């Protein structure tokens, strides 16, 4: 509940079969406008980076893939990797800067 699945308007995402899977899982579907590449720019940049830095070859099993990708995302990408769009801060640092200071 509360998950938004954002994609382009590809036939696989627009199919009634895919939409029914999302509905069963209580996901909200979000699609970019036709011809608007900027809607997916952040997601596409992330997946390009993931493929280049972590998932560049086959994993021995689905479980190995899950563990390796989770480790990359939580152990490096969000906590250490600097992002120019975030003022050369990590996503975790940037998120902390958005929280109001406790009184």
PDB file of N, CA and C in Angstrom:
ATOM      1  N   UNK A   1       0.836  -1.185   0.000  1.00  0.00           N
ATOM      2  CA  UNK A   1       0.000   0.000   0.000  1.00  0.00           C
ATOM      3  C   UNK A   1       0.877   1.242   0.000  1.00  0.00           C
ATOM      4  N   UNK A   2       0.538   2.194  -0.825  1.00  0.00           N
ATOM      5  CA  UNK A   2       1.277   3.437  -0.880  1.00  0.00           C
ATOM      6  C   UNK A   2       2.402   3.442  -1.899  1.00  0.00           C
ATOM      7  N   UNK A   3       2.632   2.327  -2.578  1.00  0.00           N
ATOM      8  CA  UNK A   3       3.698   2.259  -3.566  1.00  0.00           C
ATOM      9  C   UNK A   3       3.198   2.809  -4.893  1.00  0.00           C
ATOM     10  N   UNK A   4       4.012   3.649  -5.514  1.00  0.00           N
ATOM     11  CA  UNK A   4       3.696   4.179  -6.837  1.00  0.00           C
ATOM     12  C   UNK A   4       4.662   3.535  -7.821  1.00  0.00           C
ATOM     13  N   UNK A   5       4.107   2.882  -8.842  1.00  0.00           N
ATOM     14  CA  UNK A   5       4.918   2.263  -9.890  1.00  0.00           C
ATOM     15  C   UNK A   5       4.904   3.202 -11.079  1.00  0.00           C
ATOM     16  N   UNK A   6       6.045   3.857 -11.328  1.00  0.00           N
ATOM     17  CA  UNK A   6       6.121   4.836 -12.412  1.00  0.00           C
ATOM     18  C   UNK A   6       6.834   4.209 -13.596  1.00  0.00           C
ATOM     19  N   UNK A   7       6.264   4.369 -14.775  1.00  0.00           N
ATOM     20  CA  UNK A   7       6.861   3.795 -15.982  1.00  0.00           C
ATOM     21  C   UNK A   7       6.548   4.677 -17.180  1.00  0.00           C
ATOM     22  N   UNK A   8       7.116   4.273 -18.313  1.00  0.00           N
ATOM     23  CA  UNK A   8       6.723   4.917 -19.553  1.00  0.00           C
ATOM     24  C   UNK A   8       5.436   4.252 -20.046  1.00  0.00           C
ATOM     25  N   UNK A   9       5.013   4.602 -21.245  1.00  0.00           N
ATOM     26  CA  UNK A   9       3.753   4.069 -21.759  1.00  0.00           C
ATOM     27  C   UNK A   9       3.968   2.808 -22.603  1.00  0.00           C
ATOM     28  N   UNK A  10       4.987   2.058 -22.284  1.00  0.00           N
ATOM     29  CA  UNK A  10       5.257   0.825 -23.015  1.00  0.00           C
ATOM     30  C   UNK A  10       4.085  -0.139 -22.935  1.00  0.00           C
ATOM     31  N   UNK A  11       3.952  -0.939 -23.964  1.00  0.00           N
ATOM     32  CA  UNK A  11       2.804  -1.850 -24.041  1.00  0.00           C
ATOM     33  C   UNK A  11       2.777  -2.815 -22.864  1.00  0.00           C
ATOM     34  N   UNK A  12       3.948  -3.222 -22.364  1.00  0.00           N
ATOM     35  CA  UNK A  12       3.958  -4.159 -21.241  1.00  0.00           C
ATOM     36  C   UNK A  12       3.371  -3.522 -19.980  1.00  0.00           C
ATOM     37  N   UNK A  13       3.562  -2.205 -19.798  1.00  0.00           N
ATOM     38  CA  UNK A  13       3.038  -1.520 -18.621  1.00  0.00           C
ATOM     39  C   UNK A  13       1.577  -1.112 -18.796  1.00  0.00           C
ATOM     40  N   UNK A  14       1.155  -0.904 -20.025  1.00  0.00           N
ATOM     41  CA  UNK A  14      -0.225  -0.479 -20.296  1.00  0.00           C
ATOM     42  C   UNK A  14      -1.182  -1.666 -20.410  1.00  0.00           C
ATOM     43  N   UNK A  15      -0.652  -2.885 -20.448  1.00  0.00           N
ATOM     44  CA  UNK A  15      -1.512  -4.057 -20.643  1.00  0.00           C
ATOM     45  C   UNK A  15      -2.447  -4.264 -19.450  1.00  0.00           C
ATOM     46  N   UNK A  16      -3.613  -4.788 -19.726  1.00  0.00           N
ATOM     47  CA  UNK A  16      -4.582  -5.035 -18.651  1.00  0.00           C
ATOM     48  C   UNK A  16      -4.038  -6.073 -17.673  1.00  0.00           C
ATOM     49  N   UNK A  17      -3.254  -7.011 -18.160  1.00  0.00           N
ATOM     50  CA  UNK A  17      -2.679  -8.040 -17.280  1.00  0.00           C
ATOM     51  C   UNK A  17      -1.736  -7.396 -16.255  1.00  0.00           C
ATOM     52  N   UNK A  18      -0.869  -6.515 -16.712  1.00  0.00           N
ATOM     53  CA  UNK A  18       0.062  -5.846 -15.808  1.00  0.00           C
ATOM     54  C   UNK A  18      -0.690  -4.944 -14.832  1.00  0.00           C
ATOM     55  N   UNK A  19      -1.672  -4.213 -15.341  1.00  0.00           N
ATOM     56  CA  UNK A  19      -2.448  -3.324 -14.475  1.00  0.00           C
ATOM     57  C   UNK A  19      -3.199  -4.104 -13.402  1.00  0.00           C
ATOM     58  N   UNK A  20      -3.680  -5.305 -13.724  1.00  0.00           N
ATOM     59  CA  UNK A  20      -4.388  -6.100 -12.716  1.00  0.00           C
ATOM     60  C   UNK A  20      -3.423  -6.599 -11.637  1.00  0.00           C
ATOM     61  N   UNK A  21      -2.167  -6.898 -12.022  1.00  0.00           N
ATOM     62  CA  UNK A  21      -1.166  -7.294 -11.029  1.00  0.00           C
ATOM     63  C   UNK A  21      -0.912  -6.128 -10.063  1.00  0.00           C
ATOM     64  N   UNK A  22      -0.751  -4.923 -10.607  1.00  0.00           N
ATOM     65  CA  UNK A  22      -0.544  -3.752  -9.757  1.00  0.00           C
ATOM     66  C   UNK A  22      -1.734  -3.544  -8.822  1.00  0.00           C
ATOM     67  N   UNK A  23      -2.929  -3.684  -9.341  1.00  0.00           N
ATOM     68  CA  UNK A  23      -4.135  -3.496  -8.526  1.00  0.00           C
ATOM     69  C   UNK A  23      -4.198  -4.523  -7.400  1.00  0.00           C
ATOM     70  N   UNK A  24      -3.867  -5.775  -7.696  1.00  0.00           N
ATOM     71  CA  UNK A  24      -3.880  -6.822  -6.661  1.00  0.00           C
ATOM     72  C   UNK A  24      -2.897  -6.522  -5.545  1.00  0.00           C
ATOM     73  N   UNK A  25      -1.797  -5.896  -5.890  1.00  0.00           N
ATOM     74  CA  UNK A  25      -0.780  -5.564  -4.896  1.00  0.00           C
ATOM     75  C   UNK A  25      -1.017  -4.198  -4.251  1.00  0.00           C
ATOM     76  N   UNK A  26      -2.085  -3.535  -4.656  1.00  0.00           N
ATOM     77  CA  UNK A  26      -2.459  -2.216  -4.135  1.00  0.00           C
ATOM     78  C   UNK A  26      -1.412  -1.151  -4.464  1.00  0.00           C
ATOM     79  N   UNK A  27      -0.807  -1.265  -5.664  1.00  0.00           N
ATOM     80  CA  UNK A  27       0.126  -0.262  -6.167  1.00  0.00           C
ATOM     81  C   UNK A  27      -0.661   0.746  -6.998  1.00  0.00           C
ATOM     82  N   UNK A  28      -0.197   1.977  -6.993  1.00  0.00           N
ATOM     83  CA  UNK A  28      -0.762   3.005  -7.855  1.00  0.00           C
ATOM     84  C   UNK A  28       0.120   3.109  -9.092  1.00  0.00           C
ATOM     85  N   UNK A  29      -0.495   3.088 -10.265  1.00  0.00           N
ATOM     86  CA  UNK A  29       0.286   3.188 -11.495  1.00  0.00           C
ATOM     87  C   UNK A  29       0.412   4.641 -11.920  1.00  0.00           C
ATOM     88  N   UNK A  30       1.598   5.005 -12.349  1.00  0.00           N
ATOM     89  CA  UNK A  30       1.885   6.340 -12.849  1.00  0.00           C
ATOM     90  C   UNK A  30       2.654   6.175 -14.149  1.00  0.00           C
ATOM     91  N   UNK A  31       2.210   6.846 -15.186  1.00  0.00           N
ATOM     92  CA  UNK A  31       2.908   6.772 -16.477  1.00  0.00           C
ATOM     93  C   UNK A  31       3.320   8.163 -16.929  1.00  0.00           C
ATOM     94  N   UNK A  32       4.483   8.205 -17.569  1.00  0.00           N
ATOM     95  CA  UNK A  32       4.923   9.468 -18.133  1.00  0.00           C
ATOM     96  C   UNK A  32       4.035   9.829 -19.324  1.00  0.00           C
ATOM     97  N   UNK A  33       4.010  11.105 -19.621  1.00  0.00           N
ATOM     98  CA  UNK A  33       3.258  11.545 -20.791  1.00  0.00           C
ATOM     99  C   UNK A  33       3.971  11.090 -22.053  1.00  0.00           C
ATOM    100  N   UNK A  34       3.240  10.908 -23.094  1.00  0.00           N
ATOM    101  CA  UNK A  34       3.808  10.471 -24.367  1.00  0.00           C
ATOM    102  C   UNK A  34       4.878  11.468 -24.829  1.00  0.00           C
ATOM    103  N   UNK A  35       6.051  10.952 -25.155  1.00  0.00           N
ATOM    104  CA  UNK A  35       7.126  11.793 -25.674  1.00  0.00           C
ATOM    105  C   UNK A  35       7.831  12.643 -24.637  1.00  0.00           C
ATOM    106  N   UNK A  36       7.542  12.439 -23.343  1.00  0.00           N
ATOM    107  CA  UNK A  36       8.166  13.245 -22.301  1.00  0.00           C
ATOM    108  C   UNK A  36       9.193  12.407 -21.554  1.00  0.00           C
ATOM    109  N   UNK A  37      10.424  12.469 -21.991  1.00  0.00           N
ATOM    110  CA  UNK A  37      11.469  11.652 -21.383  1.00  0.00           C
ATOM    111  C   UNK A  37      11.853  12.126 -19.985  1.00  0.00           C
ATOM    112  N   UNK A  38      11.536  13.366 -19.627  1.00  0.00           N
ATOM    113  CA  UNK A  38      11.972  13.895 -18.334  1.00  0.00           C
ATOM    114  C   UNK A  38      11.244  13.253 -17.165  1.00  0.00           C
ATOM    115  N   UNK A  39      10.047  12.725 -17.389  1.00  0.00           N
ATOM    116  CA  UNK A  39       9.324  12.084 -16.297  1.00  0.00           C
ATOM    117  C   UNK A  39      10.105  10.920 -15.708  1.00  0.00           C
ATOM    118  N   UNK A  40      10.822  10.195 -16.535  1.00  0.00           N
ATOM    119  CA  UNK A  40      11.549   9.018 -16.075  1.00  0.00           C
ATOM    120  C   UNK A  40      13.048   9.252 -15.948  1.00  0.00           C
ATOM    121  N   UNK A  41      13.498  10.460 -16.100  1.00  0.00           N
ATOM    122  CA  UNK A  41      14.933  10.720 -16.143  1.00  0.00           C
ATOM    123  C   UNK A  41      15.645  10.255 -14.882  1.00  0.00           C
ATOM    124  N   UNK A  42      15.094  10.509 -13.718  1.00  0.00           N
ATOM    125  CA  UNK A  42      15.749  10.120 -12.463  1.00  0.00           C
ATOM    126  C   UNK A  42      15.802   8.602 -12.339  1.00  0.00           C
ATOM    127  N   UNK A  43      14.690   7.937 -12.609  1.00  0.00           N
ATOM    128  CA  UNK A  43      14.658   6.476 -12.524  1.00  0.00           C
ATOM    129  C   UNK A  43      15.602   5.854 -13.551  1.00  0.00           C
ATOM    130  N   UNK A  44      15.590   6.368 -14.770  1.00  0.00           N
ATOM    131  CA  UNK A  44      16.463   5.813 -15.800  1.00  0.00           C
ATOM    132  C   UNK A  44      17.931   6.034 -15.455  1.00  0.00           C
ATOM    133  N   UNK A  45      18.249   7.167 -14.870  1.00  0.00           N
ATOM    134  CA  UNK A  45      19.625   7.437 -14.447  1.00  0.00           C
ATOM    135  C   UNK A  45      20.040   6.445 -13.358  1.00  0.00           C
ATOM    136  N   UNK A  46      19.152   6.206 -12.389  1.00  0.00           N
ATOM    137  CA  UNK A  46      19.459   5.252 -11.326  1.00  0.00           C
ATOM    138  C   UNK A  46      19.728   3.863 -11.896  1.00  0.00           C
ATOM    139  N   UNK A  47      18.830   3.380 -12.761  1.00  0.00           N
ATOM    140  CA  UNK A  47      18.998   2.034 -13.294  1.00  0.00           C
ATOM    141  C   UNK A  47      20.238   1.920 -14.190  1.00  0.00           C
ATOM    142  N   UNK A  48      20.568   2.971 -14.910  1.00  0.00           N
ATOM    143  CA  UNK A  48      21.798   2.954 -15.713  1.00  0.00           C
ATOM    144  C   UNK A  48      23.013   2.840 -14.795  1.00  0.00           C
ATOM    145  N   UNK A  49      23.002   3.587 -13.693  1.00  0.00           N
ATOM    146  CA  UNK A  49      24.098   3.533 -12.727  1.00  0.00           C
ATOM    147  C   UNK A  49      24.165   2.164 -12.071  1.00  0.00           C
ATOM    148  N   UNK A  50      23.024   1.627 -11.675  1.00  0.00           N
ATOM    149  CA  UNK A  50      22.979   0.297 -11.065  1.00  0.00           C
ATOM    150  C   UNK A  50      23.574  -0.747 -12.002  1.00  0.00           C
ATOM    151  N   UNK A  51      23.188  -0.700 -13.259  1.00  0.00           N
ATOM    152  CA  UNK A  51      23.702  -1.673 -14.231  1.00  0.00           C
ATOM    153  C   UNK A  51      25.204  -1.494 -14.466  1.00  0.00           C
ATOM    154  N   UNK A  52      25.665  -0.264 -14.464  1.00  0.00           N
ATOM    155  CA  UNK A  52      27.079   0.005 -14.723  1.00  0.00           C
ATOM    156  C   UNK A  52      27.951  -0.343 -13.505  1.00  0.00           C
ATOM    157  N   UNK A  53      27.453  -0.079 -12.295  1.00  0.00           N
ATOM    158  CA  UNK A  53      28.286  -0.223 -11.109  1.00  0.00           C
ATOM    159  C   UNK A  53      28.078  -1.529 -10.343  1.00  0.00           C
ATOM    160  N   UNK A  54      26.922  -2.158 -10.483  1.00  0.00           N
ATOM    161  CA  UNK A  54      26.660  -3.369  -9.699  1.00  0.00           C
ATOM    162  C   UNK A  54      26.157  -4.542 -10.535  1.00  0.00           C
ATOM    163  N   UNK A  55      25.088  -4.352 -11.261  1.00  0.00           N
ATOM    164  CA  UNK A  55      24.416  -5.470 -11.942  1.00  0.00           C
ATOM    165  C   UNK A  55      24.886  -5.601 -13.391  1.00  0.00           C
ATOM    166  N   UNK A  56      26.187  -5.677 -13.584  1.00  0.00           N
ATOM    167  CA  UNK A  56      26.736  -5.703 -14.943  1.00  0.00           C
ATOM    168  C   UNK A  56      26.942  -7.110 -15.477  1.00  0.00           C
ATOM    169  N   UNK A  57      26.719  -8.132 -14.644  1.00  0.00           N
ATOM    170  CA  UNK A  57      26.808  -9.516 -15.122  1.00  0.00           C
ATOM    171  C   UNK A  57      25.769 -10.366 -14.396  1.00  0.00           C
ATOM    172  N   UNK A  58      25.607 -11.596 -14.855  1.00  0.00           N
ATOM    173  CA  UNK A  58      24.594 -12.483 -14.283  1.00  0.00           C
ATOM    174  C   UNK A  58      24.956 -12.881 -12.855  1.00  0.00           C
ATOM    175  N   UNK A  59      23.943 -13.022 -12.017  1.00  0.00           N
ATOM    176  CA  UNK A  59      24.123 -13.504 -10.655  1.00  0.00           C
ATOM    177  C   UNK A  59      23.869 -15.007 -10.641  1.00  0.00           C
ATOM    178  N   UNK A  60      24.489 -15.718  -9.704  1.00  0.00           N
ATOM    179  CA  UNK A  60      24.290 -17.169  -9.665  1.00  0.00           C
ATOM    180  C   UNK A  60      22.863 -17.588  -9.296  1.00  0.00           C
ATOM    181  N   UNK A  61      22.128 -16.694  -8.618  1.00  0.00           N
ATOM    182  CA  UNK A  61      20.750 -17.018  -8.238  1.00  0.00           C
ATOM    183  C   UNK A  61      19.987 -15.726  -7.977  1.00  0.00           C
ATOM    184  N   UNK A  62      18.681 -15.852  -7.912  1.00  0.00           N
ATOM    185  CA  UNK A  62      17.830 -14.689  -7.608  1.00  0.00           C
ATOM    186  C   UNK A  62      18.184 -14.136  -6.222  1.00  0.00           C
ATOM    187  N   UNK A  63      18.424 -15.025  -5.265  1.00  0.00           N
ATOM    188  CA  UNK A  63      18.767 -14.603  -3.898  1.00  0.00           C
ATOM    189  C   UNK A  63      20.080 -13.817  -3.890  1.00  0.00           C
ATOM    190  N   UNK A  64      21.088 -14.284  -4.636  1.00  0.00           N
ATOM    191  CA  UNK A  64      22.345 -13.537  -4.730  1.00  0.00           C
ATOM    192  C   UNK A  64      22.113 -12.147  -5.315  1.00  0.00           C
ATOM    193  N   UNK A  65      21.282 -12.072  -6.322  1.00  0.00           N
ATOM    194  CA  UNK A  65      20.973 -10.775  -6.941  1.00  0.00           C
ATOM    195  C   UNK A  65      20.296  -9.854  -5.930  1.00  0.00           C
ATOM    196  N   UNK A  66      19.315 -10.371  -5.204  1.00  0.00           N
ATOM    197  CA  UNK A  66      18.610  -9.558  -4.211  1.00  0.00           C
ATOM    198  C   UNK A  66      19.573  -9.011  -3.159  1.00  0.00           C
ATOM    199  N   UNK A  67      20.434  -9.875  -2.631  1.00  0.00           N
ATOM    200  CA  UNK A  67      21.373  -9.452  -1.588  1.00  0.00           C
ATOM    201  C   UNK A  67      22.391  -8.452  -2.112  1.00  0.00           C
ATOM    202  N   UNK A  68      22.932  -8.711  -3.298  1.00  0.00           N
ATOM    203  CA  UNK A  68      23.946  -7.818  -3.861  1.00  0.00           C
ATOM    204  C   UNK A  68      23.359  -6.448  -4.186  1.00  0.00           C
ATOM    205  N   UNK A  69      22.183  -6.432  -4.770  1.00  0.00           N
ATOM    206  CA  UNK A  69      21.571  -5.149  -5.150  1.00  0.00           C
ATOM    207  C   UNK A  69      21.134  -4.380  -3.912  1.00  0.00           C
ATOM    208  N   UNK A  70      20.569  -5.063  -2.917  1.00  0.00           N
ATOM    209  CA  UNK A  70      20.186  -4.391  -1.667  1.00  0.00           C
ATOM    210  C   UNK A  70      21.413  -3.812  -0.973  1.00  0.00           C
ATOM    211  N   UNK A  71      22.500  -4.566  -0.966  1.00  0.00           N
ATOM    212  CA  UNK A  71      23.739  -4.079  -0.356  1.00  0.00           C
ATOM    213  C   UNK A  71      24.257  -2.848  -1.091  1.00  0.00           C
ATOM    214  N   UNK A  72      24.220  -2.887  -2.412  1.00  0.00           N
ATOM    215  CA  UNK A  72      24.666  -1.743  -3.210  1.00  0.00           C
ATOM    216  C   UNK A  72      23.808  -0.506  -2.919  1.00  0.00           C
ATOM    217  N   UNK A  73      22.493  -0.674  -2.959  1.00  0.00           N
ATOM    218  CA  UNK A  73      21.597   0.471  -2.782  1.00  0.00           C
ATOM    219  C   UNK A  73      21.707   1.038  -1.371  1.00  0.00           C
ATOM    220  N   UNK A  74      21.590   0.172  -0.354  1.00  0.00           N
ATOM    221  CA  UNK A  74      21.561   0.661   1.030  1.00  0.00           C
ATOM    222  C   UNK A  74      22.952   0.909   1.613  1.00  0.00           C
ATOM    223  N   UNK A  75      23.939   0.129   1.151  1.00  0.00           N
ATOM    224  CA  UNK A  75      25.274   0.255   1.715  1.00  0.00           C
ATOM    225  C   UNK A  75      26.180   1.237   0.999  1.00  0.00           C
ATOM    226  N   UNK A  76      25.862   1.546  -0.257  1.00  0.00           N
ATOM    227  CA  UNK A  76      26.717   2.462  -1.012  1.00  0.00           C
ATOM    228  C   UNK A  76      25.938   3.596  -1.668  1.00  0.00           C
ATOM    229  N   UNK A  77      24.987   3.260  -2.527  1.00  0.00           N
ATOM    230  CA  UNK A  77      24.318   4.273  -3.346  1.00  0.00           C
ATOM    231  C   UNK A  77      23.652   5.349  -2.482  1.00  0.00           C
ATOM    232  N   UNK A  78      22.855   4.960  -1.506  1.00  0.00           N
ATOM    233  CA  UNK A  78      22.139   5.943  -0.685  1.00  0.00           C
ATOM    234  C   UNK A  78      23.021   6.599   0.366  1.00  0.00           C
ATOM    235  N   UNK A  79      24.052   5.896   0.839  1.00  0.00           N
ATOM    236  CA  UNK A  79      24.824   6.436   1.956  1.00  0.00           C
ATOM    237  C   UNK A  79      26.141   7.089   1.566  1.00  0.00           C
ATOM    238  N   UNK A  80      26.747   6.650   0.482  1.00  0.00           N
ATOM    239  CA  UNK A  80      28.088   7.140   0.133  1.00  0.00           C
ATOM    240  C   UNK A  80      28.195   7.832  -1.223  1.00  0.00           C
ATOM    241  N   UNK A  81      27.439   7.374  -2.192  1.00  0.00           N
ATOM    242  CA  UNK A  81      27.613   7.868  -3.566  1.00  0.00           C
ATOM    243  C   UNK A  81      27.144   9.317  -3.670  1.00  0.00           C
ATOM    244  N   UNK A  82      28.015  10.181  -4.161  1.00  0.00           N
ATOM    245  CA  UNK A  82      27.678  11.601  -4.299  1.00  0.00           C
ATOM    246  C   UNK A  82      26.931  11.828  -5.609  1.00  0.00           C
ATOM    247  N   UNK A  83      25.945  12.714  -5.572  1.00  0.00           N
ATOM    248  CA  UNK A  83      25.084  12.984  -6.721  1.00  0.00           C
ATOM    249  C   UNK A  83      25.144  14.470  -7.047  1.00  0.00           C
ATOM    250  N   UNK A  84      25.489  14.782  -8.268  1.00  0.00           N
ATOM    251  CA  UNK A  84      25.595  16.188  -8.661  1.00  0.00           C
ATOM    252  C   UNK A  84      24.257  16.908  -8.511  1.00  0.00           C
ATOM    253  N   UNK A  85      23.155  16.215  -8.793  1.00  0.00           N
ATOM    254  CA  UNK A  85      21.831  16.845  -8.686  1.00  0.00           C
ATOM    255  C   UNK A  85      21.464  17.167  -7.235  1.00  0.00           C
ATOM    256  N   UNK A  86      22.198  16.588  -6.282  1.00  0.00           N
ATOM    257  CA  UNK A  86      21.931  16.835  -4.856  1.00  0.00           C
ATOM    258  C   UNK A  86      23.034  17.686  -4.230  1.00  0.00           C
ATOM    259  N   UNK A  87      23.718  18.453  -5.052  1.00  0.00           N
ATOM    260  CA  UNK A  87      24.804  19.297  -4.550  1.00  0.00           C
ATOM    261  C   UNK A  87      25.997  18.488  -4.077  1.00  0.00           C
ATOM    262  N   UNK A  88      26.271  17.391  -4.762  1.00  0.00           N
ATOM    263  CA  UNK A  88      27.373  16.491  -4.435  1.00  0.00           C
ATOM    264  C   UNK A  88      27.284  15.971  -3.002  1.00  0.00           C
ATOM    265  N   UNK A  89      26.045  15.587  -2.640  1.00  0.00           N
ATOM    266  CA  UNK A  89      25.782  14.920  -1.369  1.00  0.00           C
ATOM    267  C   UNK A  89      25.181  13.555  -1.683  1.00  0.00           C
ATOM    268  N   UNK A  90      25.230  12.675  -0.707  1.00  0.00           N
ATOM    269  CA  UNK A  90      24.574  11.373  -0.877  1.00  0.00           C
ATOM    270  C   UNK A  90      23.068  11.568  -0.674  1.00  0.00           C
ATOM    271  N   UNK A  91      22.248  10.639  -1.172  1.00  0.00           N
ATOM    272  CA  UNK A  91      20.801  10.745  -0.937  1.00  0.00           C
ATOM    273  C   UNK A  91      20.459  10.807   0.557  1.00  0.00           C
ATOM    274  N   UNK A  92      21.177  10.044   1.392  1.00  0.00           N
ATOM    275  CA  UNK A  92      20.901  10.090   2.834  1.00  0.00           C
ATOM    276  C   UNK A  92      21.215  11.462   3.420  1.00  0.00           C
ATOM    277  N   UNK A  93      22.350  12.038   3.022  1.00  0.00           N
ATOM    278  CA  UNK A  93      22.697  13.386   3.495  1.00  0.00           C
ATOM    279  C   UNK A  93      21.648  14.400   3.055  1.00  0.00           C
ATOM    280  N   UNK A  94      21.246  14.293   1.802  1.00  0.00           N
ATOM    281  CA  UNK A  94      20.250  15.219   1.271  1.00  0.00           C
ATOM    282  C   UNK A  94      18.925  15.084   2.022  1.00  0.00           C
ATOM    283  N   UNK A  95      18.498  13.856   2.274  1.00  0.00           N
ATOM    284  CA  UNK A  95      17.241  13.639   3.006  1.00  0.00           C
ATOM    285  C   UNK A  95      17.312  14.239   4.405  1.00  0.00           C
ATOM    286  N   UNK A  96      18.459  14.091   5.061  1.00  0.00           N
ATOM    287  CA  UNK A  96      18.623  14.675   6.401  1.00  0.00           C
ATOM    288  C   UNK A  96      18.500  16.189   6.351  1.00  0.00           C
ATOM    289  N   UNK A  97      19.003  16.804   5.294  1.00  0.00           N
ATOM    290  CA  UNK A  97      18.939  18.262   5.183  1.00  0.00           C
ATOM    291  C   UNK A  97      17.526  18.767   5.000  1.00  0.00           C
ATOM    292  N   UNK A  98      16.615  17.903   4.565  1.00  0.00           N
ATOM    293  CA  UNK A  98      15.226  18.302   4.362  1.00  0.00           C
ATOM    294  C   UNK A  98      14.387  18.223   5.617  1.00  0.00           C
ATOM    295  N   UNK A  99      14.864  17.475   6.616  1.00  0.00           N
ATOM    296  CA  UNK A  99      14.117  17.318   7.858  1.00  0.00           C
ATOM    297  C   UNK A  99      14.251  18.570   8.703  1.00  0.00           C
ATOM    298  N   UNK A 100      13.124  18.975   9.319  1.00  0.00           N
ATOM    299  CA  UNK A 100      13.218  20.153  10.198  1.00  0.00           C
ATOM    300  C   UNK A 100      14.061  19.833  11.436  1.00  0.00           C
ATOM    301  N   UNK A 101      14.806  20.815  11.888  1.00  0.00           N
ATOM    302  CA  UNK A 101      15.659  20.635  13.056  1.00  0.00           C
ATOM    303  C   UNK A 101      14.788  20.511  14.316  1.00  0.00           C
ATOM    304  N   UNK A 102      15.159  19.593  15.204  1.00  0.00           N
ATOM    305  CA  UNK A 102      14.429  19.417  16.476  1.00  0.00           C
ATOM    306  C   UNK A 102      14.722  20.606  17.382  1.00  0.00           C
ATOM    307  N   UNK A 103      13.688  21.015  18.109  1.00  0.00           N
ATOM    308  CA  UNK A 103      13.867  22.173  19.013  1.00  0.00           C
ATOM    309  C   UNK A 103      14.345  21.734  20.346  1.00  0.00           C
TER     310      UNK A 103
END
